[in-house]
């Protein structure tokens, strides 16, 4: 059975009905789709958010819903490019960071990680969830937006998303001195697992994926 993709789970076949009118509206009004504020004032986007919001409301989770819609639209508009990091590549990808190569991806994309190998605590105090991958794009000011997709499996209806954004941080380190992306779950090291410990590491993963993607992404 093929591994499901979060975009397909959420927007197939909805994307081909709802995204083209958004594209037309943004083009007509000369709005940069990467600008989230401009994106969110587009009437077609406002209606889509309303239609996807659960009847009982989502409370603070509305930010996650909006972020997922925005990332998904940009992914669709770019032609749905993705980068797959294999299990054999994972240690090098999450090891000591190389200097930025200056040829990173310039279009939105999705990076998919080996299944159930990287984990993170989506909500403090809750069980860790596996990271399927991340949607990645740069905003008009050059900051990276990274939307991690956690907790995907064939038995679960839905998944969790977490967004981090900003410039690439220099000399990023964990307070306890452990390596970035080192496992924090009990037994994680023996099982060969990795961990995302906070938003700064999620953002760093996105910057590494951007470098790994190169130009063009496809």
N, C-alpha and C. Protein backbone atom coordinates (compact mmCIF):
# COMPACT_ATOMS: atom_id res chain seq x y z
N UNK A 1 0.86 -1.19 0.00
CA UNK A 1 0.00 0.00 0.00
C UNK A 1 0.88 1.23 0.00
N UNK A 2 0.61 2.18 -0.93
CA UNK A 2 1.44 3.37 -1.05
C UNK A 2 1.31 4.24 0.20
N UNK A 3 2.40 4.90 0.54
CA UNK A 3 2.40 5.78 1.70
C UNK A 3 1.54 7.01 1.40
N UNK A 4 0.58 7.34 2.25
CA UNK A 4 -0.29 8.48 1.98
C UNK A 4 0.46 9.80 2.10
N UNK A 5 0.00 10.82 1.38
CA UNK A 5 0.58 12.15 1.43
C UNK A 5 -0.42 13.08 2.09
N UNK A 6 0.01 13.94 3.01
CA UNK A 6 -0.97 14.80 3.72
C UNK A 6 -1.78 15.69 2.79
N UNK A 7 -1.17 16.15 1.70
CA UNK A 7 -1.92 16.98 0.76
C UNK A 7 -3.07 16.19 0.14
N UNK A 8 -2.80 14.96 -0.27
CA UNK A 8 -3.85 14.14 -0.88
C UNK A 8 -4.95 13.81 0.12
N UNK A 9 -4.57 13.53 1.35
CA UNK A 9 -5.56 13.19 2.36
C UNK A 9 -6.52 14.34 2.62
N UNK A 10 -6.01 15.56 2.58
CA UNK A 10 -6.83 16.72 2.91
C UNK A 10 -7.51 17.36 1.71
N UNK A 11 -6.86 17.32 0.54
CA UNK A 11 -7.34 18.14 -0.57
C UNK A 11 -7.64 17.39 -1.86
N UNK A 12 -7.54 16.08 -1.88
CA UNK A 12 -7.91 15.34 -3.07
C UNK A 12 -9.35 14.85 -2.92
N UNK A 13 -10.27 15.30 -3.80
CA UNK A 13 -10.08 16.11 -5.03
C UNK A 13 -10.39 17.59 -4.85
N UNK A 14 -10.50 18.06 -3.62
CA UNK A 14 -10.95 19.43 -3.36
C UNK A 14 -10.06 20.49 -4.01
N UNK A 15 -8.76 20.22 -4.10
CA UNK A 15 -7.83 21.23 -4.59
C UNK A 15 -8.18 21.69 -6.00
N UNK A 16 -8.54 20.77 -6.88
CA UNK A 16 -8.81 21.14 -8.27
C UNK A 16 -10.10 21.94 -8.41
N UNK A 17 -10.91 21.93 -7.40
CA UNK A 17 -12.14 22.73 -7.41
C UNK A 17 -11.91 24.10 -6.78
N UNK A 18 -11.18 24.15 -5.67
CA UNK A 18 -11.11 25.38 -4.88
C UNK A 18 -9.85 26.22 -5.11
N UNK A 19 -8.75 25.59 -5.51
CA UNK A 19 -7.51 26.35 -5.65
C UNK A 19 -7.42 27.20 -6.92
N UNK A 20 -7.91 26.74 -8.09
CA UNK A 20 -7.84 27.60 -9.27
C UNK A 20 -8.51 28.97 -9.10
N UNK A 21 -9.69 29.07 -8.48
CA UNK A 21 -10.26 30.41 -8.26
C UNK A 21 -9.40 31.29 -7.34
N UNK A 22 -8.72 30.67 -6.38
CA UNK A 22 -7.81 31.43 -5.52
C UNK A 22 -6.65 31.96 -6.35
N UNK A 23 -6.10 31.11 -7.20
CA UNK A 23 -5.01 31.53 -8.08
C UNK A 23 -5.45 32.70 -8.97
N UNK A 24 -6.64 32.61 -9.54
CA UNK A 24 -7.14 33.67 -10.40
C UNK A 24 -7.31 34.98 -9.62
N UNK A 25 -7.82 34.90 -8.41
CA UNK A 25 -8.03 36.10 -7.61
C UNK A 25 -6.71 36.75 -7.21
N UNK A 26 -5.74 35.95 -6.80
CA UNK A 26 -4.44 36.50 -6.43
C UNK A 26 -3.75 37.15 -7.62
N UNK A 27 -3.85 36.50 -8.78
CA UNK A 27 -3.25 37.06 -9.99
C UNK A 27 -3.94 38.35 -10.40
N UNK A 28 -5.25 38.35 -10.35
CA UNK A 28 -6.03 39.54 -10.73
C UNK A 28 -5.68 40.74 -9.86
N UNK A 29 -5.49 40.49 -8.56
CA UNK A 29 -5.23 41.58 -7.62
C UNK A 29 -3.75 41.84 -7.40
N UNK A 30 -2.89 41.14 -8.18
CA UNK A 30 -1.44 41.32 -8.10
C UNK A 30 -0.91 41.11 -6.68
N UNK A 31 -1.42 40.06 -6.03
CA UNK A 31 -0.98 39.74 -4.67
C UNK A 31 0.03 38.60 -4.72
N UNK A 32 1.07 38.71 -3.91
CA UNK A 32 2.05 37.65 -3.80
C UNK A 32 1.45 36.52 -2.97
N UNK A 33 1.29 35.33 -3.52
CA UNK A 33 0.66 34.25 -2.74
C UNK A 33 1.46 33.84 -1.52
N UNK A 34 2.75 34.13 -1.50
CA UNK A 34 3.57 33.78 -0.33
C UNK A 34 3.29 34.70 0.85
N UNK A 35 2.70 35.86 0.61
CA UNK A 35 2.36 36.82 1.66
C UNK A 35 1.09 36.34 2.35
N UNK A 36 1.21 35.82 3.55
CA UNK A 36 0.05 35.21 4.20
C UNK A 36 -1.06 36.21 4.47
N UNK A 37 -0.70 37.43 4.84
CA UNK A 37 -1.74 38.42 5.10
C UNK A 37 -2.54 38.70 3.82
N UNK A 38 -1.84 38.85 2.70
CA UNK A 38 -2.52 39.09 1.43
C UNK A 38 -3.35 37.87 1.03
N UNK A 39 -2.82 36.70 1.29
CA UNK A 39 -3.53 35.45 0.97
C UNK A 39 -4.84 35.37 1.75
N UNK A 40 -4.80 35.75 3.02
CA UNK A 40 -5.95 35.54 3.89
C UNK A 40 -7.07 36.55 3.69
N UNK A 41 -6.80 37.66 3.01
CA UNK A 41 -7.87 38.61 2.74
C UNK A 41 -8.55 38.34 1.40
N UNK A 42 -8.11 37.32 0.69
CA UNK A 42 -8.74 36.93 -0.56
C UNK A 42 -10.07 36.25 -0.24
N UNK A 43 -11.18 36.73 -0.78
CA UNK A 43 -12.50 36.18 -0.41
C UNK A 43 -12.60 34.67 -0.61
N UNK A 44 -12.00 34.15 -1.67
CA UNK A 44 -12.06 32.71 -1.91
C UNK A 44 -11.35 31.92 -0.82
N UNK A 45 -10.29 32.49 -0.25
CA UNK A 45 -9.58 31.84 0.85
C UNK A 45 -10.41 31.91 2.12
N UNK A 46 -11.01 33.06 2.38
CA UNK A 46 -11.86 33.21 3.56
C UNK A 46 -12.97 32.16 3.54
N UNK A 47 -13.58 31.96 2.38
CA UNK A 47 -14.66 30.98 2.28
C UNK A 47 -14.15 29.56 2.48
N UNK A 48 -12.96 29.27 1.95
CA UNK A 48 -12.40 27.93 2.11
C UNK A 48 -12.11 27.64 3.58
N UNK A 49 -11.56 28.61 4.31
CA UNK A 49 -11.31 28.43 5.73
C UNK A 49 -12.62 28.16 6.46
N UNK A 50 -13.64 28.90 6.13
CA UNK A 50 -14.95 28.70 6.77
C UNK A 50 -15.49 27.30 6.47
N UNK A 51 -15.33 26.86 5.24
CA UNK A 51 -15.87 25.56 4.85
C UNK A 51 -15.13 24.40 5.51
N UNK A 52 -13.84 24.58 5.77
CA UNK A 52 -13.05 23.49 6.35
C UNK A 52 -13.05 23.51 7.88
N UNK A 53 -13.50 24.61 8.45
CA UNK A 53 -13.54 24.70 9.91
C UNK A 53 -14.63 23.79 10.45
N UNK A 54 -14.32 22.95 11.45
CA UNK A 54 -15.36 22.07 12.01
C UNK A 54 -16.53 22.88 12.57
N UNK A 55 -17.71 22.28 12.55
CA UNK A 55 -18.91 22.97 13.02
C UNK A 55 -18.78 23.43 14.46
N UNK A 56 -18.06 22.65 15.27
CA UNK A 56 -17.90 23.01 16.68
C UNK A 56 -16.78 24.03 16.90
N UNK A 57 -16.13 24.44 15.80
CA UNK A 57 -15.04 25.41 15.91
C UNK A 57 -13.73 24.72 16.23
N UNK A 58 -12.64 25.47 16.11
CA UNK A 58 -11.32 24.90 16.37
C UNK A 58 -10.53 25.69 17.39
N UNK A 59 -11.07 26.80 17.90
CA UNK A 59 -10.37 27.56 18.92
C UNK A 59 -9.02 28.05 18.43
N UNK A 60 -8.00 27.85 19.26
CA UNK A 60 -6.66 28.29 18.90
C UNK A 60 -6.10 27.53 17.71
N UNK A 61 -6.68 26.36 17.40
CA UNK A 61 -6.19 25.56 16.28
C UNK A 61 -6.50 26.19 14.92
N UNK A 62 -7.23 27.32 14.91
CA UNK A 62 -7.50 27.99 13.64
C UNK A 62 -6.20 28.42 12.98
N UNK A 63 -5.19 28.76 13.76
CA UNK A 63 -3.90 29.16 13.19
C UNK A 63 -3.26 27.99 12.43
N UNK A 64 -3.37 26.78 12.99
CA UNK A 64 -2.83 25.61 12.32
C UNK A 64 -3.61 25.30 11.04
N UNK A 65 -4.93 25.47 11.08
CA UNK A 65 -5.74 25.24 9.88
C UNK A 65 -5.36 26.22 8.79
N UNK A 66 -5.24 27.49 9.14
CA UNK A 66 -4.86 28.52 8.16
C UNK A 66 -3.48 28.23 7.58
N UNK A 67 -2.54 27.87 8.44
CA UNK A 67 -1.18 27.57 7.97
C UNK A 67 -1.19 26.39 7.01
N UNK A 68 -1.96 25.36 7.33
CA UNK A 68 -2.01 24.19 6.45
C UNK A 68 -2.63 24.53 5.09
N UNK A 69 -3.68 25.33 5.09
CA UNK A 69 -4.29 25.74 3.82
C UNK A 69 -3.30 26.54 2.99
N UNK A 70 -2.60 27.47 3.63
CA UNK A 70 -1.65 28.32 2.90
C UNK A 70 -0.51 27.49 2.31
N UNK A 71 0.10 26.65 3.12
CA UNK A 71 1.19 25.80 2.63
C UNK A 71 0.69 24.87 1.52
N UNK A 72 -0.49 24.31 1.71
CA UNK A 72 -1.01 23.38 0.71
C UNK A 72 -1.29 24.09 -0.61
N UNK A 73 -1.82 25.30 -0.55
CA UNK A 73 -2.06 26.05 -1.79
C UNK A 73 -0.75 26.32 -2.52
N UNK A 74 0.27 26.77 -1.80
CA UNK A 74 1.55 27.06 -2.44
C UNK A 74 2.18 25.80 -3.03
N UNK A 75 2.04 24.69 -2.32
CA UNK A 75 2.53 23.41 -2.82
C UNK A 75 1.83 23.04 -4.12
N UNK A 76 0.52 23.19 -4.15
CA UNK A 76 -0.27 22.90 -5.36
C UNK A 76 0.12 23.85 -6.49
N UNK A 77 0.23 25.13 -6.19
CA UNK A 77 0.52 26.14 -7.21
C UNK A 77 1.90 25.93 -7.82
N UNK A 78 2.83 25.35 -7.06
CA UNK A 78 4.19 25.09 -7.56
C UNK A 78 4.29 23.80 -8.35
N UNK A 79 3.19 23.04 -8.43
CA UNK A 79 3.23 21.77 -9.16
C UNK A 79 3.47 20.57 -8.27
N UNK A 80 3.32 20.73 -6.95
CA UNK A 80 3.47 19.66 -5.97
C UNK A 80 4.86 19.01 -5.97
N UNK A 81 5.92 19.82 -5.95
CA UNK A 81 7.27 19.24 -5.89
C UNK A 81 7.59 18.71 -4.50
N UNK A 82 8.36 17.66 -4.44
CA UNK A 82 8.75 17.12 -3.14
C UNK A 82 10.15 16.54 -3.21
N UNK A 83 10.74 16.43 -2.02
CA UNK A 83 12.05 15.82 -1.84
C UNK A 83 11.88 14.68 -0.85
N UNK A 84 12.39 13.51 -1.16
CA UNK A 84 12.32 12.37 -0.26
C UNK A 84 13.70 12.09 0.31
N UNK A 85 13.81 12.15 1.63
CA UNK A 85 15.05 11.79 2.31
C UNK A 85 14.97 10.31 2.65
N UNK A 86 15.89 9.53 2.12
CA UNK A 86 15.85 8.09 2.37
C UNK A 86 16.44 7.77 3.74
N UNK A 87 16.20 6.55 4.20
CA UNK A 87 16.75 6.11 5.47
C UNK A 87 18.28 6.17 5.44
N UNK A 88 18.87 5.84 4.28
CA UNK A 88 20.33 5.86 4.15
C UNK A 88 20.88 7.29 4.20
N UNK A 89 20.07 8.26 3.84
CA UNK A 89 20.51 9.67 3.84
C UNK A 89 20.23 10.38 5.16
N UNK A 90 19.43 9.78 6.02
CA UNK A 90 18.92 10.49 7.18
C UNK A 90 20.02 10.94 8.14
N UNK A 91 20.99 10.08 8.45
CA UNK A 91 22.03 10.45 9.40
C UNK A 91 22.83 11.65 8.91
N UNK A 92 23.16 11.67 7.64
CA UNK A 92 23.90 12.81 7.10
C UNK A 92 23.03 14.06 7.09
N UNK A 93 21.75 13.91 6.76
CA UNK A 93 20.84 15.05 6.68
C UNK A 93 20.66 15.70 8.05
N UNK A 94 20.59 14.89 9.12
CA UNK A 94 20.37 15.42 10.46
C UNK A 94 21.66 15.52 11.28
N UNK A 95 22.81 15.24 10.66
CA UNK A 95 24.09 15.35 11.34
C UNK A 95 24.57 16.79 11.42
N UNK A 96 25.85 17.00 11.70
CA UNK A 96 26.38 18.37 11.74
C UNK A 96 26.06 19.10 10.45
N UNK A 97 25.55 20.32 10.58
CA UNK A 97 25.09 21.07 9.40
C UNK A 97 26.26 21.57 8.57
N UNK A 98 26.15 21.39 7.28
CA UNK A 98 27.13 21.97 6.36
C UNK A 98 26.80 23.44 6.16
N UNK A 99 27.77 24.19 5.66
CA UNK A 99 27.51 25.60 5.37
C UNK A 99 26.46 25.70 4.27
N UNK A 100 25.57 26.71 4.33
CA UNK A 100 24.58 26.87 3.27
C UNK A 100 25.25 26.90 1.91
N UNK A 101 24.67 26.19 0.94
CA UNK A 101 25.33 26.07 -0.36
C UNK A 101 24.92 27.15 -1.35
N UNK A 102 23.94 28.00 -0.96
CA UNK A 102 23.57 29.10 -1.83
C UNK A 102 22.75 28.69 -3.03
N UNK A 103 22.37 27.44 -3.13
CA UNK A 103 21.58 26.97 -4.28
C UNK A 103 20.31 26.29 -3.81
N UNK A 104 19.76 26.77 -2.72
CA UNK A 104 18.57 26.14 -2.17
C UNK A 104 17.34 26.35 -3.04
N UNK A 105 16.31 25.58 -2.72
CA UNK A 105 15.08 25.63 -3.49
C UNK A 105 14.46 27.02 -3.42
N UNK A 106 13.95 27.48 -4.53
CA UNK A 106 13.31 28.79 -4.59
C UNK A 106 11.79 28.67 -4.72
N UNK A 107 11.26 27.47 -4.82
CA UNK A 107 9.83 27.26 -4.91
C UNK A 107 9.36 26.44 -3.71
N UNK A 108 8.09 26.58 -3.33
CA UNK A 108 7.56 25.76 -2.23
C UNK A 108 7.68 24.28 -2.56
N UNK A 109 7.87 23.46 -1.53
CA UNK A 109 7.99 22.02 -1.75
C UNK A 109 7.65 21.28 -0.45
N UNK A 110 7.57 19.97 -0.55
CA UNK A 110 7.36 19.12 0.61
C UNK A 110 8.55 18.18 0.73
N UNK A 111 9.10 18.06 1.93
CA UNK A 111 10.17 17.09 2.17
C UNK A 111 9.60 15.95 3.01
N UNK A 112 9.75 14.74 2.52
CA UNK A 112 9.25 13.54 3.21
C UNK A 112 10.41 12.80 3.84
N UNK A 113 10.25 12.44 5.10
CA UNK A 113 11.28 11.75 5.86
C UNK A 113 10.96 10.26 5.95
N UNK A 114 11.96 9.44 6.25
CA UNK A 114 11.68 8.00 6.42
C UNK A 114 10.60 7.79 7.48
N UNK A 115 9.74 6.85 7.21
CA UNK A 115 8.55 6.67 8.05
C UNK A 115 8.92 6.25 9.47
N UNK A 116 8.35 7.00 10.44
CA UNK A 116 8.45 6.70 11.87
C UNK A 116 9.90 6.68 12.37
N UNK A 117 10.73 7.54 11.82
CA UNK A 117 12.12 7.63 12.26
C UNK A 117 12.43 8.91 13.02
N UNK A 118 11.64 9.96 12.78
CA UNK A 118 11.84 11.24 13.47
C UNK A 118 10.55 11.56 14.22
N UNK A 119 10.69 11.89 15.51
CA UNK A 119 9.53 12.08 16.37
C UNK A 119 9.58 13.45 17.06
N UNK A 120 8.42 13.92 17.46
CA UNK A 120 8.37 15.19 18.17
C UNK A 120 7.16 15.26 19.10
N UNK A 121 7.27 16.11 20.11
CA UNK A 121 6.19 16.33 21.08
C UNK A 121 5.36 17.51 20.58
N UNK A 122 4.25 17.21 19.93
CA UNK A 122 3.41 18.26 19.35
C UNK A 122 2.79 19.13 20.44
N UNK A 123 2.27 18.51 21.48
CA UNK A 123 1.71 19.21 22.62
C UNK A 123 2.48 18.82 23.87
N UNK A 124 2.86 19.80 24.65
CA UNK A 124 3.66 19.52 25.83
C UNK A 124 2.95 18.54 26.76
N UNK A 125 3.68 17.50 27.13
CA UNK A 125 3.13 16.50 28.03
C UNK A 125 2.38 15.39 27.36
N UNK A 126 2.15 15.51 26.04
CA UNK A 126 1.44 14.48 25.29
C UNK A 126 2.44 13.52 24.65
N UNK A 127 2.01 12.31 24.27
CA UNK A 127 2.93 11.36 23.64
C UNK A 127 3.55 11.94 22.37
N UNK A 128 4.78 11.56 22.11
CA UNK A 128 5.46 11.99 20.89
C UNK A 128 4.79 11.37 19.67
N UNK A 129 4.84 12.10 18.56
CA UNK A 129 4.24 11.64 17.32
C UNK A 129 5.30 11.62 16.22
N UNK A 130 5.19 10.70 15.27
CA UNK A 130 6.19 10.64 14.19
C UNK A 130 6.00 11.79 13.20
N UNK A 131 7.11 12.31 12.73
CA UNK A 131 7.10 13.39 11.74
C UNK A 131 7.13 12.78 10.34
N UNK A 132 6.05 12.96 9.59
CA UNK A 132 6.02 12.47 8.21
C UNK A 132 6.93 13.31 7.32
N UNK A 133 6.85 14.63 7.48
CA UNK A 133 7.64 15.53 6.66
C UNK A 133 7.21 16.96 6.90
N UNK A 134 7.63 17.86 6.01
CA UNK A 134 7.36 19.28 6.19
C UNK A 134 7.06 19.95 4.85
N UNK A 135 6.10 20.86 4.86
CA UNK A 135 5.95 21.82 3.77
C UNK A 135 6.90 22.98 4.04
N UNK A 136 7.56 23.47 3.00
CA UNK A 136 8.58 24.50 3.16
C UNK A 136 8.41 25.56 2.08
N UNK A 137 8.44 26.84 2.47
CA UNK A 137 8.54 27.92 1.50
C UNK A 137 9.12 29.16 2.18
N UNK A 138 9.63 30.07 1.38
CA UNK A 138 10.13 31.35 1.88
C UNK A 138 9.10 32.43 1.65
N UNK A 139 8.93 33.30 2.65
CA UNK A 139 8.00 34.41 2.48
C UNK A 139 8.69 35.54 1.71
N UNK A 140 7.97 36.59 1.35
CA UNK A 140 8.57 37.65 0.54
C UNK A 140 9.77 38.34 1.19
N UNK A 141 9.88 38.27 2.52
CA UNK A 141 11.02 38.90 3.21
C UNK A 141 12.21 37.96 3.34
N UNK A 142 12.07 36.73 2.88
CA UNK A 142 13.18 35.79 2.93
C UNK A 142 13.18 34.84 4.11
N UNK A 143 12.25 35.03 5.06
CA UNK A 143 12.15 34.10 6.18
C UNK A 143 11.55 32.79 5.68
N UNK A 144 11.96 31.69 6.30
CA UNK A 144 11.44 30.38 5.92
C UNK A 144 10.22 30.06 6.78
N UNK A 145 9.20 29.48 6.15
CA UNK A 145 8.05 28.93 6.87
C UNK A 145 8.09 27.42 6.71
N UNK A 146 8.05 26.72 7.81
CA UNK A 146 8.15 25.26 7.82
C UNK A 146 6.94 24.71 8.58
N UNK A 147 6.16 23.86 7.92
CA UNK A 147 4.99 23.27 8.55
C UNK A 147 5.22 21.77 8.68
N UNK A 148 5.50 21.33 9.91
CA UNK A 148 5.71 19.91 10.16
C UNK A 148 4.38 19.17 10.26
N UNK A 149 4.33 17.98 9.64
CA UNK A 149 3.12 17.14 9.66
C UNK A 149 3.42 15.90 10.50
N UNK A 150 2.75 15.79 11.63
CA UNK A 150 3.02 14.74 12.61
C UNK A 150 1.83 13.79 12.73
N UNK A 151 2.12 12.56 13.11
CA UNK A 151 1.08 11.63 13.52
C UNK A 151 0.28 11.01 12.39
N UNK A 152 0.84 10.96 11.19
CA UNK A 152 0.12 10.31 10.10
C UNK A 152 0.25 8.81 10.18
N UNK A 153 -0.85 8.11 10.08
CA UNK A 153 -0.82 6.66 9.91
C UNK A 153 -2.13 6.22 9.28
N UNK A 154 -2.16 5.01 8.80
CA UNK A 154 -3.31 4.54 8.02
C UNK A 154 -4.53 4.26 8.89
N UNK A 155 -4.35 4.20 10.21
CA UNK A 155 -5.48 3.94 11.09
C UNK A 155 -6.07 5.22 11.67
N UNK A 156 -5.38 6.36 11.52
CA UNK A 156 -5.82 7.59 12.15
C UNK A 156 -6.51 8.49 11.13
N UNK A 157 -7.58 9.11 11.57
CA UNK A 157 -8.30 10.07 10.73
C UNK A 157 -7.73 11.46 11.00
N UNK A 158 -6.82 11.92 10.15
CA UNK A 158 -6.22 13.23 10.33
C UNK A 158 -4.78 13.16 10.81
N UNK A 159 -4.23 14.32 11.13
CA UNK A 159 -2.84 14.43 11.58
C UNK A 159 -2.67 15.77 12.28
N UNK A 160 -1.52 15.97 12.87
CA UNK A 160 -1.21 17.22 13.58
C UNK A 160 -0.21 18.03 12.77
N UNK A 161 -0.31 19.36 12.86
CA UNK A 161 0.65 20.22 12.19
C UNK A 161 1.22 21.23 13.18
N UNK A 162 2.48 21.57 12.97
CA UNK A 162 3.18 22.58 13.77
C UNK A 162 3.97 23.45 12.82
N UNK A 163 3.89 24.77 12.99
CA UNK A 163 4.62 25.68 12.10
C UNK A 163 5.72 26.40 12.87
N UNK A 164 6.85 26.56 12.20
CA UNK A 164 7.94 27.40 12.69
C UNK A 164 8.37 28.29 11.53
N UNK A 165 8.80 29.50 11.84
CA UNK A 165 9.22 30.41 10.78
C UNK A 165 10.32 31.34 11.27
N UNK A 166 11.12 31.81 10.32
CA UNK A 166 12.16 32.76 10.66
C UNK A 166 13.40 32.58 9.81
N UNK A 167 14.41 33.40 10.07
CA UNK A 167 15.69 33.23 9.39
C UNK A 167 16.43 32.03 9.95
N UNK A 168 17.48 31.62 9.26
CA UNK A 168 18.28 30.51 9.78
C UNK A 168 19.08 30.97 10.99
N UNK A 169 18.97 30.23 12.08
CA UNK A 169 19.64 30.59 13.32
C UNK A 169 21.09 30.12 13.28
N UNK A 170 21.97 30.98 13.76
CA UNK A 170 23.39 30.64 13.80
C UNK A 170 23.72 30.00 15.16
N UNK A 171 24.63 29.03 15.13
CA UNK A 171 25.12 28.38 16.35
C UNK A 171 23.98 27.79 17.20
N UNK A 172 23.00 27.22 16.53
CA UNK A 172 21.89 26.61 17.25
C UNK A 172 22.39 25.41 18.05
N UNK A 173 21.97 25.33 19.31
CA UNK A 173 22.40 24.23 20.18
C UNK A 173 21.33 23.97 21.23
N UNK A 174 21.28 22.76 21.71
CA UNK A 174 20.35 22.41 22.79
C UNK A 174 20.93 22.84 24.12
N UNK A 175 20.08 23.26 25.06
CA UNK A 175 20.56 23.68 26.37
C UNK A 175 21.32 22.59 27.12
N UNK A 176 20.94 21.31 26.89
CA UNK A 176 21.60 20.24 27.63
C UNK A 176 22.88 19.75 26.96
N UNK A 177 23.24 20.35 25.83
CA UNK A 177 24.47 19.99 25.14
C UNK A 177 24.36 18.79 24.22
N UNK A 178 23.22 18.14 24.18
CA UNK A 178 23.07 17.01 23.26
C UNK A 178 23.00 17.52 21.82
N UNK A 179 23.27 16.64 20.88
CA UNK A 179 23.29 17.04 19.48
C UNK A 179 21.89 17.38 18.99
N UNK A 180 21.81 18.30 18.03
CA UNK A 180 20.53 18.58 17.39
C UNK A 180 19.96 17.29 16.80
N UNK A 181 18.68 17.11 16.94
CA UNK A 181 17.93 15.97 16.40
C UNK A 181 18.27 14.65 17.08
N UNK A 182 19.04 14.68 18.16
CA UNK A 182 19.28 13.46 18.93
C UNK A 182 17.98 13.02 19.59
N UNK A 183 17.78 11.70 19.79
CA UNK A 183 16.51 11.24 20.37
C UNK A 183 16.34 11.70 21.80
N UNK A 184 15.10 12.06 22.16
CA UNK A 184 14.79 12.44 23.54
C UNK A 184 13.79 11.46 24.16
N UNK A 185 13.22 10.55 23.36
CA UNK A 185 12.30 9.56 23.92
C UNK A 185 13.08 8.43 24.57
N UNK A 186 12.58 7.85 25.65
CA UNK A 186 13.24 6.69 26.25
C UNK A 186 13.38 5.57 25.22
N UNK A 187 14.59 5.03 25.13
CA UNK A 187 14.85 3.95 24.19
C UNK A 187 15.04 4.39 22.76
N UNK A 188 14.99 5.71 22.52
CA UNK A 188 15.09 6.22 21.16
C UNK A 188 16.43 5.96 20.51
N UNK A 189 17.51 6.08 21.28
CA UNK A 189 18.83 5.88 20.70
C UNK A 189 19.02 4.42 20.28
N UNK A 190 18.61 3.49 21.13
CA UNK A 190 18.74 2.08 20.80
C UNK A 190 17.91 1.69 19.58
N UNK A 191 16.81 2.39 19.39
CA UNK A 191 15.93 2.09 18.26
C UNK A 191 16.34 2.84 16.99
N UNK A 192 17.37 3.65 17.08
CA UNK A 192 17.82 4.39 15.91
C UNK A 192 16.89 5.53 15.51
N UNK A 193 16.20 6.13 16.49
CA UNK A 193 15.25 7.19 16.20
C UNK A 193 15.90 8.56 16.35
N UNK A 194 15.23 9.58 15.83
CA UNK A 194 15.64 10.97 15.98
C UNK A 194 14.48 11.77 16.54
N UNK A 195 14.78 12.97 17.07
CA UNK A 195 13.74 13.80 17.66
C UNK A 195 13.86 15.25 17.20
N UNK A 196 12.71 15.89 17.07
CA UNK A 196 12.61 17.34 16.90
C UNK A 196 12.31 17.91 18.27
N UNK A 197 13.24 18.66 18.82
CA UNK A 197 13.06 19.22 20.16
C UNK A 197 12.77 20.72 20.04
N UNK A 198 11.54 21.05 19.70
CA UNK A 198 11.14 22.44 19.66
C UNK A 198 11.11 23.04 18.27
N UNK A 199 10.53 24.24 18.21
CA UNK A 199 10.35 24.92 16.93
C UNK A 199 11.64 25.30 16.24
N UNK A 200 12.68 25.61 17.01
CA UNK A 200 13.94 26.00 16.38
C UNK A 200 14.55 24.85 15.59
N UNK A 201 14.43 23.63 16.11
CA UNK A 201 14.94 22.48 15.36
C UNK A 201 14.07 22.18 14.14
N UNK A 202 12.77 22.38 14.25
CA UNK A 202 11.91 22.20 13.08
C UNK A 202 12.29 23.20 11.99
N UNK A 203 12.56 24.44 12.38
CA UNK A 203 12.99 25.45 11.41
C UNK A 203 14.33 25.07 10.79
N UNK A 204 15.26 24.59 11.58
CA UNK A 204 16.56 24.17 11.06
C UNK A 204 16.40 23.01 10.08
N UNK A 205 15.51 22.08 10.39
CA UNK A 205 15.26 20.99 9.46
C UNK A 205 14.77 21.54 8.12
N UNK A 206 13.91 22.54 8.17
CA UNK A 206 13.42 23.15 6.94
C UNK A 206 14.52 23.80 6.13
N UNK A 207 15.43 24.51 6.80
CA UNK A 207 16.55 25.13 6.08
C UNK A 207 17.45 24.08 5.45
N UNK A 208 17.67 22.97 6.16
CA UNK A 208 18.48 21.90 5.58
C UNK A 208 17.79 21.29 4.37
N UNK A 209 16.47 21.12 4.47
CA UNK A 209 15.73 20.58 3.34
C UNK A 209 15.80 21.53 2.15
N UNK A 210 15.75 22.81 2.41
CA UNK A 210 15.85 23.79 1.33
C UNK A 210 17.19 23.66 0.62
N UNK A 211 18.27 23.50 1.37
CA UNK A 211 19.59 23.31 0.75
C UNK A 211 19.64 22.00 -0.02
N UNK A 212 19.05 20.94 0.58
CA UNK A 212 19.10 19.63 -0.06
C UNK A 212 18.28 19.59 -1.34
N UNK A 213 17.22 20.41 -1.40
CA UNK A 213 16.32 20.37 -2.55
C UNK A 213 16.99 20.90 -3.81
N UNK A 214 17.82 21.93 -3.67
CA UNK A 214 18.49 22.49 -4.83
C UNK A 214 17.51 23.18 -5.77
N UNK A 215 17.98 23.50 -6.92
CA UNK A 215 17.15 24.19 -7.92
C UNK A 215 17.26 23.44 -9.25
N UNK A 216 16.17 23.11 -9.88
CA UNK A 216 14.81 23.27 -9.38
C UNK A 216 14.42 22.11 -8.48
N UNK A 217 13.29 22.25 -7.81
CA UNK A 217 12.74 21.16 -7.01
C UNK A 217 11.80 20.37 -7.91
N UNK A 218 11.79 19.06 -7.77
CA UNK A 218 10.87 18.27 -8.59
C UNK A 218 10.94 16.82 -8.23
